[in-house]
C-alpha atoms as a PDB file:
ATOM      1  CA  UNK A   1     -17.327   0.269   1.785  1.00  0.00           C
ATOM      2  CA  UNK A   2     -16.214   3.865   1.556  1.00  0.00           C
ATOM      3  CA  UNK A   3     -17.402   6.034  -1.323  1.00  0.00           C
ATOM      4  CA  UNK A   4     -14.759   8.399  -2.710  1.00  0.00           C
ATOM      5  CA  UNK A   5     -15.465  11.702  -4.406  1.00  0.00           C
ATOM      6  CA  UNK A   6     -15.268  11.507  -8.180  1.00  0.00           C
ATOM      7  CA  UNK A   7     -12.448  13.579  -9.632  1.00  0.00           C
ATOM      8  CA  UNK A   8     -13.036  16.217 -12.342  1.00  0.00           C
ATOM      9  CA  UNK A   9     -12.917  14.653 -15.817  1.00  0.00           C
ATOM     10  CA  UNK A  10     -12.592  11.137 -14.314  1.00  0.00           C
ATOM     11  CA  UNK A  11     -14.417   8.644 -16.493  1.00  0.00           C
ATOM     12  CA  UNK A  12     -16.758   6.082 -14.968  1.00  0.00           C
ATOM     13  CA  UNK A  13     -14.441   3.083 -15.395  1.00  0.00           C
ATOM     14  CA  UNK A  14     -11.446   4.863 -13.834  1.00  0.00           C
ATOM     15  CA  UNK A  15     -13.606   6.015 -10.941  1.00  0.00           C
ATOM     16  CA  UNK A  16     -14.916   2.504 -10.343  1.00  0.00           C
ATOM     17  CA  UNK A  17     -11.363   1.102 -10.384  1.00  0.00           C
ATOM     18  CA  UNK A  18     -10.176   3.730  -7.906  1.00  0.00           C
ATOM     19  CA  UNK A  19     -13.071   3.191  -5.479  1.00  0.00           C
ATOM     20  CA  UNK A  20     -12.739  -0.592  -5.604  1.00  0.00           C
ATOM     21  CA  UNK A  21      -8.955  -0.492  -5.325  1.00  0.00           C
ATOM     22  CA  UNK A  22      -9.173   1.751  -2.263  1.00  0.00           C
ATOM     23  CA  UNK A  23     -11.684  -0.530  -0.550  1.00  0.00           C
ATOM     24  CA  UNK A  24      -9.775  -3.708  -1.410  1.00  0.00           C
ATOM     25  CA  UNK A  25      -6.505  -2.234  -0.101  1.00  0.00           C
ATOM     26  CA  UNK A  26      -8.159  -0.898   3.066  1.00  0.00           C
ATOM     27  CA  UNK A  27      -9.845  -4.298   3.607  1.00  0.00           C
ATOM     28  CA  UNK A  28     -13.253  -2.627   3.531  1.00  0.00           C
ATOM     29  CA  UNK A  29     -13.878  -5.352   0.974  1.00  0.00           C
ATOM     30  CA  UNK A  30     -12.354  -8.299   2.876  1.00  0.00           C
ATOM     31  CA  UNK A  31     -10.402 -11.029   1.084  1.00  0.00           C
ATOM     32  CA  UNK A  32     -12.757 -13.793  -0.008  1.00  0.00           C
ATOM     33  CA  UNK A  33     -15.899 -11.665   0.129  1.00  0.00           C
ATOM     34  CA  UNK A  34     -18.365 -11.641  -2.758  1.00  0.00           C
ATOM     35  CA  UNK A  35     -19.158  -8.502  -4.753  1.00  0.00           C
ATOM     36  CA  UNK A  36     -22.232  -7.802  -6.841  1.00  0.00           C
ATOM     37  CA  UNK A  37     -22.168  -5.723 -10.018  1.00  0.00           C
ATOM     38  CA  UNK A  38     -25.678  -4.482  -9.286  1.00  0.00           C
ATOM     39  CA  UNK A  39     -24.884  -3.464  -5.716  1.00  0.00           C
ATOM     40  CA  UNK A  40     -21.612  -1.801  -6.705  1.00  0.00           C
ATOM     41  CA  UNK A  41     -23.318   0.053  -9.535  1.00  0.00           C
ATOM     42  CA  UNK A  42     -25.985   1.388  -7.163  1.00  0.00           C
ATOM     43  CA  UNK A  43     -23.412   2.284  -4.512  1.00  0.00           C
ATOM     44  CA  UNK A  44     -21.271   4.318  -6.959  1.00  0.00           C
ATOM     45  CA  UNK A  45     -24.234   5.627  -8.998  1.00  0.00           C
ATOM     46  CA  UNK A  46     -22.808   4.080 -12.176  1.00  0.00           C
ATOM     47  CA  UNK A  47     -24.130   1.787 -14.850  1.00  0.00           C
ATOM     48  CA  UNK A  48     -23.074  -1.853 -14.768  1.00  0.00           C
ATOM     49  CA  UNK A  49     -20.714  -1.589 -17.751  1.00  0.00           C
ATOM     50  CA  UNK A  50     -17.936   0.491 -16.107  1.00  0.00           C
ATOM     51  CA  UNK A  51     -18.254  -1.578 -12.931  1.00  0.00           C
ATOM     52  CA  UNK A  52     -17.881  -4.802 -14.925  1.00  0.00           C
ATOM     53  CA  UNK A  53     -14.866  -3.324 -16.743  1.00  0.00           C
ATOM     54  CA  UNK A  54     -13.331  -2.291 -13.413  1.00  0.00           C
ATOM     55  CA  UNK A  55     -13.759  -5.801 -12.005  1.00  0.00           C
ATOM     56  CA  UNK A  56     -12.108  -7.280 -15.103  1.00  0.00           C
ATOM     57  CA  UNK A  57      -9.177  -4.860 -14.757  1.00  0.00           C
ATOM     58  CA  UNK A  58      -8.775  -5.739 -11.082  1.00  0.00           C
ATOM     59  CA  UNK A  59      -8.903  -9.433 -11.937  1.00  0.00           C
ATOM     60  CA  UNK A  60      -5.850  -8.882 -14.165  1.00  0.00           C
ATOM     61  CA  UNK A  61      -4.117  -7.513 -11.060  1.00  0.00           C
ATOM     62  CA  UNK A  62      -5.056 -10.703  -9.144  1.00  0.00           C
ATOM     63  CA  UNK A  63      -7.319  -8.739  -6.815  1.00  0.00           C
ATOM     64  CA  UNK A  64     -10.689 -10.057  -8.019  1.00  0.00           C
ATOM     65  CA  UNK A  65     -11.735 -13.533  -9.110  1.00  0.00           C
ATOM     66  CA  UNK A  66     -14.570 -13.724 -11.633  1.00  0.00           C
ATOM     67  CA  UNK A  67     -16.502 -16.974 -12.000  1.00  0.00           C
ATOM     68  CA  UNK A  68     -19.070 -17.084 -14.829  1.00  0.00           C
ATOM     69  CA  UNK A  69     -22.558 -17.884 -13.515  1.00  0.00           C
ATOM     70  CA  UNK A  70     -21.224 -17.827  -9.955  1.00  0.00           C
ATOM     71  CA  UNK A  71     -20.213 -14.232  -9.331  1.00  0.00           C
ATOM     72  CA  UNK A  72     -17.132 -12.226  -8.399  1.00  0.00           C
ATOM     73  CA  UNK A  73     -15.028 -12.435  -5.258  1.00  0.00           C
ATOM     74  CA  UNK A  74     -12.227 -10.382  -3.723  1.00  0.00           C
ATOM     75  CA  UNK A  75      -9.060 -12.446  -4.060  1.00  0.00           C
ATOM     76  CA  UNK A  76      -7.513 -13.812  -0.910  1.00  0.00           C
ATOM     77  CA  UNK A  77      -4.049 -12.560   0.005  1.00  0.00           C
ATOM     78  CA  UNK A  78      -1.374 -14.601  -1.749  1.00  0.00           C
ATOM     79  CA  UNK A  79       1.950 -14.453   0.083  1.00  0.00           C
ATOM     80  CA  UNK A  80       3.833 -15.299  -3.110  1.00  0.00           C
ATOM     81  CA  UNK A  81       2.531 -12.054  -4.657  1.00  0.00           C
ATOM     82  CA  UNK A  82       3.280 -10.149  -1.448  1.00  0.00           C
ATOM     83  CA  UNK A  83       6.833 -11.474  -1.559  1.00  0.00           C
ATOM     84  CA  UNK A  84       7.319 -10.435  -5.186  1.00  0.00           C
ATOM     85  CA  UNK A  85       6.066  -6.954  -4.380  1.00  0.00           C
ATOM     86  CA  UNK A  86       8.401  -6.792  -1.394  1.00  0.00           C
ATOM     87  CA  UNK A  87      11.348  -8.013  -3.461  1.00  0.00           C
ATOM     88  CA  UNK A  88      10.842  -5.343  -6.117  1.00  0.00           C
ATOM     89  CA  UNK A  89      10.424  -2.613  -3.511  1.00  0.00           C
ATOM     90  CA  UNK A  90      13.398  -3.703  -1.434  1.00  0.00           C
ATOM     91  CA  UNK A  91      15.835  -3.729  -4.355  1.00  0.00           C
ATOM     92  CA  UNK A  92      14.762  -0.263  -5.501  1.00  0.00           C
ATOM     93  CA  UNK A  93      14.310   1.305  -2.057  1.00  0.00           C
ATOM     94  CA  UNK A  94      17.740   0.173  -0.893  1.00  0.00           C
ATOM     95  CA  UNK A  95      19.190   1.734  -4.038  1.00  0.00           C
ATOM     96  CA  UNK A  96      17.319   4.965  -3.263  1.00  0.00           C
ATOM     97  CA  UNK A  97      18.520   5.272   0.347  1.00  0.00           C
ATOM     98  CA  UNK A  98      22.052   4.526  -0.831  1.00  0.00           C
ATOM     99  CA  UNK A  99      21.782   7.371  -3.349  1.00  0.00           C
ATOM    100  CA  UNK A 100      20.319   9.638  -0.665  1.00  0.00           C
ATOM    101  CA  UNK A 101      23.262   8.911   1.630  1.00  0.00           C
ATOM    102  CA  UNK A 102      25.821   9.458  -1.129  1.00  0.00           C
ATOM    103  CA  UNK A 103      24.411  12.704  -2.489  1.00  0.00           C
ATOM    104  CA  UNK A 104      22.515  14.013   0.537  1.00  0.00           C
ATOM    105  CA  UNK A 105      18.932  15.284   0.597  1.00  0.00           C
ATOM    106  CA  UNK A 106      18.121  18.913  -0.078  1.00  0.00           C
ATOM    107  CA  UNK A 107      16.735  20.986   2.834  1.00  0.00           C
ATOM    108  CA  UNK A 108      13.401  21.208   0.989  1.00  0.00           C
ATOM    109  CA  UNK A 109      12.914  17.447   0.904  1.00  0.00           C
ATOM    110  CA  UNK A 110      14.285  16.963   4.400  1.00  0.00           C
ATOM    111  CA  UNK A 111      11.691  19.425   5.673  1.00  0.00           C
ATOM    112  CA  UNK A 112       8.911  17.560   3.836  1.00  0.00           C
ATOM    113  CA  UNK A 113      10.084  14.214   5.227  1.00  0.00           C
ATOM    114  CA  UNK A 114      10.193  15.579   8.766  1.00  0.00           C
ATOM    115  CA  UNK A 115       6.718  17.104   8.372  1.00  0.00           C
ATOM    116  CA  UNK A 116       5.373  13.793   7.084  1.00  0.00           C
ATOM    117  CA  UNK A 117       6.887  12.003  10.096  1.00  0.00           C
ATOM    118  CA  UNK A 118       5.094  14.415  12.453  1.00  0.00           C
ATOM    119  CA  UNK A 119       1.804  13.525  10.775  1.00  0.00           C
ATOM    120  CA  UNK A 120       2.625   9.806  11.012  1.00  0.00           C
ATOM    121  CA  UNK A 121       3.193  10.185  14.756  1.00  0.00           C
ATOM    122  CA  UNK A 122      -0.039  12.141  15.161  1.00  0.00           C
ATOM    123  CA  UNK A 123      -2.083   9.409  13.441  1.00  0.00           C
ATOM    124  CA  UNK A 124      -0.244   6.390  14.855  1.00  0.00           C
ATOM    125  CA  UNK A 125      -2.752   5.745  17.669  1.00  0.00           C
ATOM    126  CA  UNK A 126      -5.932   6.964  16.009  1.00  0.00           C
ATOM    127  CA  UNK A 127      -7.098   3.763  14.324  1.00  0.00           C
ATOM    128  CA  UNK A 128      -7.317   5.582  10.989  1.00  0.00           C
ATOM    129  CA  UNK A 129      -5.394   2.863   9.207  1.00  0.00           C
ATOM    130  CA  UNK A 130      -5.932   4.072   5.640  1.00  0.00           C
ATOM    131  CA  UNK A 131      -4.538   7.503   6.554  1.00  0.00           C
ATOM    132  CA  UNK A 132      -1.567   5.830   8.251  1.00  0.00           C
ATOM    133  CA  UNK A 133      -0.894   3.790   5.124  1.00  0.00           C
ATOM    134  CA  UNK A 134      -1.191   6.878   2.918  1.00  0.00           C
ATOM    135  CA  UNK A 135       1.337   8.756   5.066  1.00  0.00           C
ATOM    136  CA  UNK A 136       3.632   5.726   5.096  1.00  0.00           C
ATOM    137  CA  UNK A 137       3.563   5.543   1.307  1.00  0.00           C
ATOM    138  CA  UNK A 138       4.113   9.295   1.046  1.00  0.00           C
ATOM    139  CA  UNK A 139       7.276   9.006   3.134  1.00  0.00           C
ATOM    140  CA  UNK A 140       8.661   6.494   0.651  1.00  0.00           C
ATOM    141  CA  UNK A 141       7.539   8.607  -2.319  1.00  0.00           C
ATOM    142  CA  UNK A 142       9.416  11.598  -0.898  1.00  0.00           C
ATOM    143  CA  UNK A 143      12.577   9.514  -0.602  1.00  0.00           C
ATOM    144  CA  UNK A 144      12.324   8.605  -4.292  1.00  0.00           C
ATOM    145  CA  UNK A 145      11.565  12.195  -5.288  1.00  0.00           C
ATOM    146  CA  UNK A 146      14.501  13.476  -3.237  1.00  0.00           C
ATOM    147  CA  UNK A 147      16.953  11.595  -5.481  1.00  0.00           C
ATOM    148  CA  UNK A 148      15.106  12.291  -8.742  1.00  0.00           C
ATOM    149  CA  UNK A 149      13.367   8.898  -9.020  1.00  0.00           C
ATOM    150  CA  UNK A 150       9.685   9.877  -8.824  1.00  0.00           C
ATOM    151  CA  UNK A 151       8.792   7.946 -12.005  1.00  0.00           C
ATOM    152  CA  UNK A 152      10.381   4.794 -10.546  1.00  0.00           C
ATOM    153  CA  UNK A 153       8.151   5.085  -7.483  1.00  0.00           C
ATOM    154  CA  UNK A 154       5.068   5.428  -9.688  1.00  0.00           C
ATOM    155  CA  UNK A 155       6.041   2.182 -11.440  1.00  0.00           C
ATOM    156  CA  UNK A 156       6.318   0.178  -8.216  1.00  0.00           C
ATOM    157  CA  UNK A 157       3.319   1.897  -6.619  1.00  0.00           C
ATOM    158  CA  UNK A 158       1.043   0.273  -9.186  1.00  0.00           C
ATOM    159  CA  UNK A 159       2.135  -3.142  -7.852  1.00  0.00           C
ATOM    160  CA  UNK A 160       2.106  -2.381  -4.119  1.00  0.00           C
ATOM    161  CA  UNK A 161      -1.514  -3.248  -3.385  1.00  0.00           C
ATOM    162  CA  UNK A 162      -0.755  -6.870  -2.442  1.00  0.00           C
ATOM    163  CA  UNK A 163       1.885  -5.659  -0.002  1.00  0.00           C
ATOM    164  CA  UNK A 164      -0.372  -2.849   1.245  1.00  0.00           C
ATOM    165  CA  UNK A 165      -3.182  -5.233   2.204  1.00  0.00           C
ATOM    166  CA  UNK A 166      -0.747  -6.975   4.546  1.00  0.00           C
ATOM    167  CA  UNK A 167       0.347  -3.618   5.937  1.00  0.00           C
ATOM    168  CA  UNK A 168      -3.253  -2.588   6.670  1.00  0.00           C
ATOM    169  CA  UNK A 169      -3.905  -5.946   8.336  1.00  0.00           C
ATOM    170  CA  UNK A 170      -0.756  -5.535  10.431  1.00  0.00           C
ATOM    171  CA  UNK A 171      -1.795  -2.036  11.506  1.00  0.00           C
ATOM    172  CA  UNK A 172      -5.222  -3.311  12.538  1.00  0.00           C
ATOM    173  CA  UNK A 173      -3.752  -6.287  14.405  1.00  0.00           C
ATOM    174  CA  UNK A 174      -0.943  -4.653  16.370  1.00  0.00           C
ATOM    175  CA  UNK A 175      -1.906  -0.951  16.320  1.00  0.00           C
ATOM    176  CA  UNK A 176       1.592   0.185  17.234  1.00  0.00           C
ATOM    177  CA  UNK A 177       4.065   2.706  15.900  1.00  0.00           C
ATOM    178  CA  UNK A 178       6.765   0.365  14.615  1.00  0.00           C
ATOM    179  CA  UNK A 179       6.538   1.729  11.087  1.00  0.00           C
ATOM    180  CA  UNK A 180       6.918   5.315  12.329  1.00  0.00           C
ATOM    181  CA  UNK A 181       9.982   4.359  14.363  1.00  0.00           C
ATOM    182  CA  UNK A 182      11.422   2.600  11.305  1.00  0.00           C
ATOM    183  CA  UNK A 183      11.003   5.777   9.269  1.00  0.00           C
ATOM    184  CA  UNK A 184      12.612   7.892  11.978  1.00  0.00           C
ATOM    185  CA  UNK A 185      15.616   5.571  12.074  1.00  0.00           C
ATOM    186  CA  UNK A 186      15.940   5.482   8.284  1.00  0.00           C
ATOM    187  CA  UNK A 187      15.894   9.277   8.124  1.00  0.00           C
ATOM    188  CA  UNK A 188      18.510   9.438  10.889  1.00  0.00           C
ATOM    189  CA  UNK A 189      20.804   7.136   8.879  1.00  0.00           C
ATOM    190  CA  UNK A 190      20.341   9.305   5.804  1.00  0.00           C
ATOM    191  CA  UNK A 191      21.181  12.441   7.802  1.00  0.00           C
ATOM    192  CA  UNK A 192      24.358  10.706   8.934  1.00  0.00           C
ATOM    193  CA  UNK A 193      24.990   9.653   5.316  1.00  0.00           C
ATOM    194  CA  UNK A 194      25.458   6.091   6.564  1.00  0.00           C
ATOM    195  CA  UNK A 195      24.405   4.037   3.543  1.00  0.00           C
ATOM    196  CA  UNK A 196      25.081   0.660   5.163  1.00  0.00           C
ATOM    197  CA  UNK A 197      22.884   1.487   8.164  1.00  0.00           C
ATOM    198  CA  UNK A 198      20.144   2.963   5.959  1.00  0.00           C
ATOM    199  CA  UNK A 199      19.997  -0.192   3.814  1.00  0.00           C
ATOM    200  CA  UNK A 200      19.922  -2.427   6.888  1.00  0.00           C
ATOM    201  CA  UNK A 201      17.053  -0.412   8.391  1.00  0.00           C
ATOM    202  CA  UNK A 202      15.101  -0.374   5.120  1.00  0.00           C
ATOM    203  CA  UNK A 203      15.532  -4.138   4.775  1.00  0.00           C
ATOM    204  CA  UNK A 204      14.175  -4.673   8.289  1.00  0.00           C
ATOM    205  CA  UNK A 205      11.302  -2.290   7.586  1.00  0.00           C
ATOM    206  CA  UNK A 206      10.215  -4.088   4.418  1.00  0.00           C
ATOM    207  CA  UNK A 207      10.683  -7.653   5.685  1.00  0.00           C
ATOM    208  CA  UNK A 208       8.847  -7.300   8.977  1.00  0.00           C
ATOM    209  CA  UNK A 209       5.744  -8.930   7.454  1.00  0.00           C
ATOM    210  CA  UNK A 210       7.633 -12.237   7.154  1.00  0.00           C
ATOM    211  CA  UNK A 211       7.953 -12.421  10.941  1.00  0.00           C
ATOM    212  CA  UNK A 212       4.253 -11.608  11.352  1.00  0.00           C
ATOM    213  CA  UNK A 213       3.046 -14.141   8.769  1.00  0.00           C
ATOM    214  CA  UNK A 214       2.376 -16.977  11.260  1.00  0.00           C
ATOM    215  CA  UNK A 215       0.241 -14.816  13.530  1.00  0.00           C
ATOM    216  CA  UNK A 216      -1.726 -13.200  10.702  1.00  0.00           C
ATOM    217  CA  UNK A 217      -2.580 -16.481   8.981  1.00  0.00           C
ATOM    218  CA  UNK A 218      -3.654 -17.929  12.350  1.00  0.00           C
ATOM    219  CA  UNK A 219      -5.849 -14.945  13.232  1.00  0.00           C
ATOM    220  CA  UNK A 220      -7.325 -14.440   9.730  1.00  0.00           C
ATOM    221  CA  UNK A 221      -7.237 -17.874   8.040  1.00  0.00           C
ATOM    222  CA  UNK A 222     -10.042 -16.974   5.615  1.00  0.00           C
ATOM    223  CA  UNK A 223      -8.073 -14.012   4.272  1.00  0.00           C
ATOM    224  CA  UNK A 224      -5.190 -16.033   2.832  1.00  0.00           C
ATOM    225  CA  UNK A 225      -4.434 -18.481   0.061  1.00  0.00           C
ATOM    226  CA  UNK A 226      -3.291 -21.505   2.060  1.00  0.00           C
END
């Protein structure tokens, strides 16, 4: 597990949720693994109460399974939840790139998107998968912000963790730069104000996991709900 710095004025429960959510998403806490309140409390220097509350909150997000008298476990990846997350993202992200092509992106946001892409390229072969995922998500956030839909991104971001676990697993398994190339192509289509091409590229970008499903479930059978 990775311990994150506690933010100023962050209460114990929120901190525990953030640390656990990071480690579940990054697969530092692998799907199906057991977690102990006592060990987590010691690791984060917290009492058991906020840790227990954090586990309950994560169980409501289908990320932790709590069994009385038996313990708590990190939920296995459920492709039905991944698909719902993808569906919600795809509908909204296609609408966003369409808006971006119709109205254009301001030079300020275009510069930020290009700078983010440079960082994505720089990290693409480093094996720092959590940083790669963070930069990937930031690219999408910038697209939403560029058309005045930052709040919409925040809404879907809260439900992306199921999708993000697949993305981390894909990065670890293939360790290539397909996602970076996807982003470059999407930005090219937006520059050309070609909405049809941008939507097609975004759809391919967000449905790639369906092609990889067979390999991932074969390589990591214990990680998935079968």
